[in-house]
N, C-alpha and C. Protein backbone atom coordinates (compact mmCIF):
# COMPACT_ATOMS: atom_id res chain seq x y z
N MET A 1 -89.19 -37.97 120.41
CA MET A 1 -87.76 -38.23 120.46
C MET A 1 -87.54 -39.48 121.33
N TYR A 2 -86.67 -40.36 120.84
CA TYR A 2 -86.38 -41.59 121.56
C TYR A 2 -85.40 -41.33 122.72
N PRO A 3 -85.50 -42.12 123.78
CA PRO A 3 -84.56 -41.97 124.90
C PRO A 3 -83.14 -42.38 124.49
N ALA A 4 -82.17 -41.64 125.01
CA ALA A 4 -80.76 -41.90 124.67
C ALA A 4 -80.34 -43.32 125.00
N GLU A 5 -80.83 -43.87 126.11
CA GLU A 5 -80.39 -45.23 126.50
C GLU A 5 -80.83 -46.29 125.50
N ILE A 6 -81.86 -46.00 124.72
CA ILE A 6 -82.29 -46.93 123.67
C ILE A 6 -81.46 -46.70 122.40
N VAL A 7 -81.24 -45.44 122.07
CA VAL A 7 -80.61 -45.07 120.80
C VAL A 7 -79.09 -45.32 120.79
N MET A 8 -78.42 -45.04 121.89
CA MET A 8 -76.95 -45.07 121.88
C MET A 8 -76.36 -46.42 121.43
N PRO A 9 -76.86 -47.57 121.88
CA PRO A 9 -76.29 -48.83 121.37
C PRO A 9 -76.52 -49.02 119.87
N MET A 10 -77.63 -48.50 119.36
CA MET A 10 -77.91 -48.62 117.93
C MET A 10 -77.01 -47.70 117.12
N LYS A 11 -76.71 -46.53 117.66
CA LYS A 11 -75.75 -45.63 117.02
C LYS A 11 -74.37 -46.28 116.99
N ALA A 12 -74.01 -46.90 118.12
CA ALA A 12 -72.68 -47.48 118.27
C ALA A 12 -72.41 -48.59 117.25
N GLU A 13 -73.45 -49.28 116.81
CA GLU A 13 -73.24 -50.32 115.79
C GLU A 13 -72.55 -49.75 114.56
N LEU A 14 -72.89 -48.51 114.21
CA LEU A 14 -72.27 -47.88 113.04
C LEU A 14 -71.02 -47.08 113.41
N THR A 15 -71.08 -46.31 114.49
CA THR A 15 -69.93 -45.45 114.81
C THR A 15 -68.70 -46.27 115.18
N GLU A 16 -68.89 -47.43 115.78
CA GLU A 16 -67.75 -48.29 116.11
C GLU A 16 -67.12 -48.91 114.87
N SER A 17 -67.81 -48.79 113.74
CA SER A 17 -67.26 -49.30 112.47
C SER A 17 -66.85 -48.16 111.54
N GLY A 18 -66.64 -46.98 112.10
CA GLY A 18 -66.08 -45.88 111.31
C GLY A 18 -67.07 -44.86 110.78
N PHE A 19 -68.34 -44.99 111.10
CA PHE A 19 -69.31 -43.99 110.66
C PHE A 19 -69.21 -42.77 111.56
N GLU A 20 -69.16 -41.60 110.93
CA GLU A 20 -69.14 -40.33 111.65
C GLU A 20 -70.56 -39.85 111.83
N GLU A 21 -70.88 -39.40 113.03
CA GLU A 21 -72.22 -38.88 113.27
C GLU A 21 -72.34 -37.46 112.72
N MET A 22 -73.47 -37.20 112.10
CA MET A 22 -73.84 -35.85 111.69
C MET A 22 -74.98 -35.45 112.63
N LEU A 23 -74.68 -34.56 113.57
CA LEU A 23 -75.62 -34.22 114.63
C LEU A 23 -76.32 -32.88 114.42
N THR A 24 -75.80 -32.08 113.52
CA THR A 24 -76.38 -30.76 113.26
C THR A 24 -76.57 -30.57 111.76
N PRO A 25 -77.45 -29.65 111.36
CA PRO A 25 -77.60 -29.35 109.94
C PRO A 25 -76.28 -28.89 109.30
N GLU A 26 -75.48 -28.15 110.05
CA GLU A 26 -74.19 -27.67 109.52
C GLU A 26 -73.24 -28.84 109.23
N GLU A 27 -73.23 -29.82 110.14
CA GLU A 27 -72.39 -30.99 109.90
C GLU A 27 -72.85 -31.76 108.67
N VAL A 28 -74.16 -31.84 108.46
CA VAL A 28 -74.69 -32.51 107.26
C VAL A 28 -74.21 -31.78 106.02
N ASP A 29 -74.42 -30.47 105.97
CA ASP A 29 -74.01 -29.70 104.79
C ASP A 29 -72.51 -29.80 104.54
N ASN A 30 -71.71 -29.70 105.60
CA ASN A 30 -70.25 -29.77 105.45
C ASN A 30 -69.81 -31.15 104.96
N THR A 31 -70.41 -32.19 105.49
CA THR A 31 -70.05 -33.55 105.08
C THR A 31 -70.42 -33.79 103.63
N LEU A 32 -71.63 -33.42 103.25
CA LEU A 32 -72.09 -33.71 101.90
C LEU A 32 -71.48 -32.79 100.85
N ALA A 33 -70.89 -31.69 101.25
CA ALA A 33 -70.25 -30.77 100.31
C ALA A 33 -68.86 -31.23 99.89
N GLN A 34 -68.32 -32.22 100.57
CA GLN A 34 -66.96 -32.67 100.28
C GLN A 34 -66.89 -33.43 98.96
N LYS A 35 -65.74 -33.32 98.32
CA LYS A 35 -65.49 -34.09 97.10
C LYS A 35 -65.36 -35.56 97.44
N GLY A 36 -65.67 -36.40 96.48
CA GLY A 36 -65.57 -37.84 96.68
C GLY A 36 -66.93 -38.42 97.02
N THR A 37 -66.92 -39.62 97.58
CA THR A 37 -68.17 -40.34 97.86
C THR A 37 -68.43 -40.40 99.36
N THR A 38 -69.71 -40.29 99.69
CA THR A 38 -70.15 -40.34 101.08
C THR A 38 -71.36 -41.26 101.18
N LEU A 39 -71.27 -42.26 102.02
CA LEU A 39 -72.40 -43.13 102.31
C LEU A 39 -73.08 -42.59 103.56
N VAL A 40 -74.39 -42.35 103.47
CA VAL A 40 -75.16 -41.83 104.59
C VAL A 40 -76.23 -42.84 104.96
N VAL A 41 -76.26 -43.19 106.24
CA VAL A 41 -77.30 -44.07 106.75
C VAL A 41 -78.17 -43.26 107.71
N ILE A 42 -79.47 -43.18 107.39
CA ILE A 42 -80.41 -42.66 108.37
C ILE A 42 -80.83 -43.86 109.20
N ASN A 43 -80.32 -43.89 110.41
CA ASN A 43 -80.51 -45.00 111.32
C ASN A 43 -81.87 -44.89 112.00
N SER A 44 -82.34 -45.98 112.57
CA SER A 44 -83.67 -46.02 113.16
C SER A 44 -83.75 -47.09 114.23
N VAL A 45 -84.79 -46.99 115.08
CA VAL A 45 -85.00 -48.00 116.11
C VAL A 45 -85.80 -49.20 115.63
N CYS A 46 -86.33 -49.14 114.43
CA CYS A 46 -87.23 -50.19 113.95
C CYS A 46 -86.51 -51.53 113.74
N GLY A 47 -87.28 -52.56 113.66
CA GLY A 47 -86.73 -53.90 113.49
C GLY A 47 -85.97 -54.09 112.21
N CYS A 48 -86.41 -53.46 111.12
CA CYS A 48 -85.68 -53.64 109.86
C CYS A 48 -84.33 -52.93 109.90
N ALA A 49 -84.20 -51.88 110.70
CA ALA A 49 -82.88 -51.24 110.86
C ALA A 49 -81.94 -52.20 111.57
N ALA A 50 -82.43 -52.82 112.64
CA ALA A 50 -81.60 -53.73 113.42
C ALA A 50 -81.33 -55.04 112.70
N GLY A 51 -82.36 -55.55 112.03
CA GLY A 51 -82.25 -56.88 111.43
C GLY A 51 -81.58 -56.93 110.08
N THR A 52 -81.75 -55.88 109.28
CA THR A 52 -81.19 -55.95 107.92
C THR A 52 -80.42 -54.72 107.48
N CYS A 53 -80.85 -53.52 107.86
CA CYS A 53 -80.18 -52.31 107.38
C CYS A 53 -78.76 -52.20 107.92
N ARG A 54 -78.63 -52.10 109.23
CA ARG A 54 -77.27 -51.95 109.80
C ARG A 54 -76.39 -53.14 109.47
N PRO A 55 -76.87 -54.39 109.63
CA PRO A 55 -76.00 -55.51 109.25
C PRO A 55 -75.62 -55.50 107.76
N GLY A 56 -76.56 -55.14 106.89
CA GLY A 56 -76.27 -55.10 105.47
C GLY A 56 -75.25 -54.03 105.12
N VAL A 57 -75.40 -52.86 105.72
CA VAL A 57 -74.45 -51.77 105.48
C VAL A 57 -73.06 -52.18 105.96
N LEU A 58 -72.99 -52.76 107.14
CA LEU A 58 -71.68 -53.15 107.68
C LEU A 58 -71.03 -54.25 106.85
N MET A 59 -71.82 -55.21 106.38
CA MET A 59 -71.28 -56.24 105.48
C MET A 59 -70.69 -55.59 104.24
N ALA A 60 -71.42 -54.63 103.70
CA ALA A 60 -70.97 -53.98 102.46
C ALA A 60 -69.66 -53.22 102.67
N VAL A 61 -69.59 -52.39 103.71
CA VAL A 61 -68.38 -51.58 103.88
C VAL A 61 -67.17 -52.41 104.29
N HIS A 62 -67.42 -53.55 104.94
CA HIS A 62 -66.29 -54.39 105.36
C HIS A 62 -65.84 -55.36 104.27
N ASN A 63 -66.67 -55.60 103.26
CA ASN A 63 -66.34 -56.61 102.25
C ASN A 63 -66.19 -56.07 100.84
N ALA A 64 -66.40 -54.79 100.65
CA ALA A 64 -66.32 -54.21 99.29
C ALA A 64 -64.87 -53.95 98.92
N SER A 65 -64.56 -54.16 97.65
CA SER A 65 -63.21 -53.82 97.18
C SER A 65 -63.09 -52.31 96.97
N LYS A 66 -64.19 -51.66 96.65
CA LYS A 66 -64.24 -50.20 96.54
C LYS A 66 -65.18 -49.71 97.63
N ARG A 67 -64.72 -48.71 98.38
CA ARG A 67 -65.52 -48.19 99.49
C ARG A 67 -65.71 -46.69 99.34
N PRO A 68 -66.79 -46.16 99.91
CA PRO A 68 -66.96 -44.71 99.93
C PRO A 68 -65.82 -44.04 100.70
N ASP A 69 -65.53 -42.80 100.33
CA ASP A 69 -64.50 -42.03 101.02
C ASP A 69 -64.89 -41.73 102.46
N ARG A 70 -66.19 -41.52 102.68
CA ARG A 70 -66.70 -41.17 104.00
C ARG A 70 -67.92 -42.00 104.33
N LEU A 71 -68.06 -42.32 105.61
CA LEU A 71 -69.23 -43.03 106.12
C LEU A 71 -69.86 -42.09 107.15
N ALA A 72 -71.15 -41.81 107.00
CA ALA A 72 -71.82 -40.86 107.88
C ALA A 72 -73.20 -41.38 108.27
N THR A 73 -73.69 -40.90 109.40
CA THR A 73 -74.99 -41.36 109.88
C THR A 73 -75.66 -40.29 110.74
N SER A 74 -76.96 -40.30 110.71
CA SER A 74 -77.81 -39.53 111.62
C SER A 74 -78.96 -40.43 112.02
N PHE A 75 -79.53 -40.18 113.20
CA PHE A 75 -80.53 -41.09 113.75
C PHE A 75 -81.90 -40.43 113.74
N ALA A 76 -82.84 -41.06 113.01
CA ALA A 76 -84.21 -40.55 112.93
C ALA A 76 -84.87 -40.61 114.31
N GLY A 77 -85.60 -39.56 114.66
CA GLY A 77 -86.28 -39.51 115.94
C GLY A 77 -85.36 -39.16 117.09
N PHE A 78 -84.11 -38.80 116.79
CA PHE A 78 -83.15 -38.44 117.84
C PHE A 78 -82.30 -37.24 117.39
N ASP A 79 -81.62 -37.38 116.25
CA ASP A 79 -80.84 -36.27 115.68
C ASP A 79 -81.76 -35.51 114.71
N THR A 80 -82.81 -34.95 115.25
CA THR A 80 -83.93 -34.46 114.45
C THR A 80 -83.54 -33.42 113.41
N ALA A 81 -82.83 -32.38 113.82
CA ALA A 81 -82.48 -31.31 112.88
C ALA A 81 -81.53 -31.82 111.80
N ALA A 82 -80.60 -32.69 112.18
CA ALA A 82 -79.66 -33.24 111.19
C ALA A 82 -80.39 -34.12 110.19
N VAL A 83 -81.30 -34.96 110.66
CA VAL A 83 -82.05 -35.84 109.75
C VAL A 83 -82.90 -35.01 108.80
N GLN A 84 -83.51 -33.95 109.31
CA GLN A 84 -84.30 -33.07 108.44
C GLN A 84 -83.42 -32.49 107.33
N LYS A 85 -82.20 -32.09 107.67
CA LYS A 85 -81.28 -31.54 106.67
C LYS A 85 -80.85 -32.61 105.67
N VAL A 86 -80.57 -33.82 106.16
CA VAL A 86 -80.22 -34.92 105.24
C VAL A 86 -81.37 -35.12 104.26
N ARG A 87 -82.59 -35.13 104.76
CA ARG A 87 -83.75 -35.37 103.91
C ARG A 87 -83.91 -34.29 102.84
N GLU A 88 -83.48 -33.07 103.12
CA GLU A 88 -83.49 -32.03 102.08
C GLU A 88 -82.56 -32.42 100.94
N HIS A 89 -81.44 -33.03 101.27
CA HIS A 89 -80.47 -33.48 100.26
C HIS A 89 -80.97 -34.72 99.51
N LEU A 90 -81.96 -35.40 100.08
CA LEU A 90 -82.48 -36.62 99.46
C LEU A 90 -83.68 -36.38 98.55
N LEU A 91 -84.15 -35.16 98.47
CA LEU A 91 -85.29 -34.88 97.59
C LEU A 91 -84.96 -35.27 96.17
N PRO A 92 -85.88 -35.83 95.42
CA PRO A 92 -87.32 -35.88 95.62
C PRO A 92 -87.81 -37.11 96.39
N TYR A 93 -86.90 -37.89 96.98
CA TYR A 93 -87.34 -39.07 97.74
C TYR A 93 -88.07 -38.61 99.00
N PRO A 94 -89.15 -39.29 99.36
CA PRO A 94 -89.88 -38.93 100.58
C PRO A 94 -89.09 -39.39 101.81
N PRO A 95 -89.41 -38.82 102.98
CA PRO A 95 -88.74 -39.26 104.21
C PRO A 95 -88.88 -40.77 104.39
N SER A 96 -87.78 -41.39 104.79
CA SER A 96 -87.73 -42.83 104.93
C SER A 96 -86.67 -43.18 105.96
N SER A 97 -87.07 -43.95 106.97
CA SER A 97 -86.07 -44.41 107.92
C SER A 97 -86.41 -45.85 108.31
N PRO A 98 -85.41 -46.69 108.24
CA PRO A 98 -84.05 -46.38 107.85
C PRO A 98 -83.96 -46.15 106.34
N SER A 99 -82.86 -45.57 105.95
CA SER A 99 -82.55 -45.44 104.52
C SER A 99 -81.05 -45.30 104.36
N ILE A 100 -80.60 -45.53 103.13
CA ILE A 100 -79.17 -45.53 102.83
C ILE A 100 -78.99 -44.73 101.54
N ALA A 101 -78.10 -43.75 101.59
CA ALA A 101 -77.88 -42.92 100.40
C ALA A 101 -76.39 -42.84 100.11
N LEU A 102 -76.06 -42.81 98.82
CA LEU A 102 -74.69 -42.62 98.39
C LEU A 102 -74.61 -41.32 97.61
N PHE A 103 -73.70 -40.46 98.04
CA PHE A 103 -73.46 -39.18 97.38
C PHE A 103 -72.09 -39.20 96.73
N LYS A 104 -71.99 -38.56 95.57
CA LYS A 104 -70.70 -38.38 94.92
C LYS A 104 -70.56 -36.90 94.60
N ASP A 105 -69.49 -36.30 95.12
CA ASP A 105 -69.24 -34.87 94.93
C ASP A 105 -70.48 -34.05 95.28
N GLY A 106 -71.15 -34.43 96.36
CA GLY A 106 -72.30 -33.69 96.86
C GLY A 106 -73.63 -33.99 96.19
N GLN A 107 -73.62 -34.86 95.20
CA GLN A 107 -74.84 -35.20 94.47
C GLN A 107 -75.30 -36.61 94.84
N LEU A 108 -76.60 -36.76 95.06
CA LEU A 108 -77.17 -38.07 95.35
C LEU A 108 -77.08 -38.94 94.10
N VAL A 109 -76.44 -40.11 94.23
CA VAL A 109 -76.31 -41.01 93.08
C VAL A 109 -77.00 -42.35 93.30
N SER A 110 -77.33 -42.68 94.56
CA SER A 110 -77.99 -43.96 94.84
C SER A 110 -78.79 -43.83 96.12
N MET A 111 -79.98 -44.42 96.13
CA MET A 111 -80.86 -44.33 97.29
C MET A 111 -81.51 -45.67 97.56
N VAL A 112 -81.51 -46.08 98.81
CA VAL A 112 -82.21 -47.29 99.25
C VAL A 112 -83.21 -46.84 100.31
N GLU A 113 -84.49 -46.96 99.99
CA GLU A 113 -85.54 -46.54 100.89
C GLU A 113 -85.97 -47.70 101.78
N ARG A 114 -86.73 -47.36 102.82
CA ARG A 114 -87.20 -48.36 103.78
C ARG A 114 -87.90 -49.53 103.09
N HIS A 115 -88.75 -49.24 102.11
CA HIS A 115 -89.49 -50.33 101.45
C HIS A 115 -88.56 -51.27 100.69
N GLN A 116 -87.33 -50.82 100.41
CA GLN A 116 -86.35 -51.68 99.76
C GLN A 116 -85.49 -52.43 100.77
N ILE A 117 -85.66 -52.07 102.05
CA ILE A 117 -84.93 -52.71 103.14
C ILE A 117 -85.80 -53.77 103.81
N GLU A 118 -87.04 -53.42 104.07
CA GLU A 118 -87.96 -54.32 104.77
C GLU A 118 -88.11 -55.65 104.04
N GLY A 119 -87.97 -56.73 104.76
CA GLY A 119 -88.21 -58.04 104.20
C GLY A 119 -87.08 -58.59 103.35
N ARG A 120 -86.00 -57.85 103.21
CA ARG A 120 -84.85 -58.33 102.43
C ARG A 120 -83.74 -58.74 103.39
N PRO A 121 -83.06 -59.82 103.11
CA PRO A 121 -81.95 -60.22 103.97
C PRO A 121 -80.80 -59.20 103.90
N ALA A 122 -80.05 -59.12 104.98
CA ALA A 122 -78.90 -58.21 105.04
C ALA A 122 -77.92 -58.47 103.89
N GLN A 123 -77.77 -59.74 103.49
CA GLN A 123 -76.84 -60.07 102.42
C GLN A 123 -77.27 -59.44 101.09
N VAL A 124 -78.56 -59.36 100.85
CA VAL A 124 -79.07 -58.75 99.61
C VAL A 124 -78.80 -57.25 99.62
N ILE A 125 -79.02 -56.61 100.76
CA ILE A 125 -78.72 -55.19 100.89
C ILE A 125 -77.23 -54.94 100.69
N ALA A 126 -76.41 -55.77 101.31
CA ALA A 126 -74.96 -55.63 101.18
C ALA A 126 -74.53 -55.78 99.72
N GLN A 127 -75.05 -56.77 99.04
CA GLN A 127 -74.65 -56.98 97.64
C GLN A 127 -75.08 -55.81 96.77
N HIS A 128 -76.26 -55.27 97.01
CA HIS A 128 -76.70 -54.09 96.26
C HIS A 128 -75.76 -52.91 96.50
N LEU A 129 -75.41 -52.68 97.77
CA LEU A 129 -74.52 -51.56 98.08
C LEU A 129 -73.14 -51.76 97.47
N ILE A 130 -72.62 -52.97 97.52
CA ILE A 130 -71.31 -53.25 96.92
C ILE A 130 -71.36 -52.95 95.42
N SER A 131 -72.45 -53.30 94.77
CA SER A 131 -72.62 -53.00 93.35
C SER A 131 -72.61 -51.48 93.11
N GLU A 132 -73.27 -50.74 93.99
CA GLU A 132 -73.28 -49.27 93.86
C GLU A 132 -71.89 -48.70 94.14
N PHE A 133 -71.17 -49.25 95.11
CA PHE A 133 -69.81 -48.80 95.38
C PHE A 133 -68.93 -49.03 94.16
N ASP A 134 -69.09 -50.17 93.51
CA ASP A 134 -68.30 -50.47 92.32
C ASP A 134 -68.56 -49.45 91.21
N LYS A 135 -69.79 -48.95 91.12
CA LYS A 135 -70.14 -47.97 90.09
C LYS A 135 -69.59 -46.58 90.40
N PHE A 136 -69.65 -46.18 91.67
CA PHE A 136 -69.43 -44.77 91.99
C PHE A 136 -68.19 -44.46 92.82
N CYS A 137 -67.57 -45.46 93.45
CA CYS A 137 -66.41 -45.22 94.31
C CYS A 137 -65.11 -45.57 93.59
N ASN A 138 -64.05 -44.93 94.00
CA ASN A 138 -62.73 -45.20 93.39
C ASN A 138 -62.07 -46.38 94.05
């Protein structure tokens, strides 16, 4: 488990932009059971999370004409039980952090795994997410 003093500023990058933290398995289930669309970011301390994942996600949610109804996040290596529950909802995808998932009416409709984040500019991730928002969000 990572120390809070390292994790908290990385969490704040998303929570200060409207992402709700899912800290328990119950919060994960309750959030994902809601009607509408939910964007979930499994946040991480790695360089690709800081350099491209979080910036790409924030570009997407701030610049999209269609946005998910809810923005949610859990932190790998810190919110352990919540991340494990999120990963159950992401099956058959293997565990991946960071990762970005879009749910519609509780069903996974789009997934961006770590290997799709690493080495890609934040703008490319943002454009991909905006395209997914256009498909699945109202």
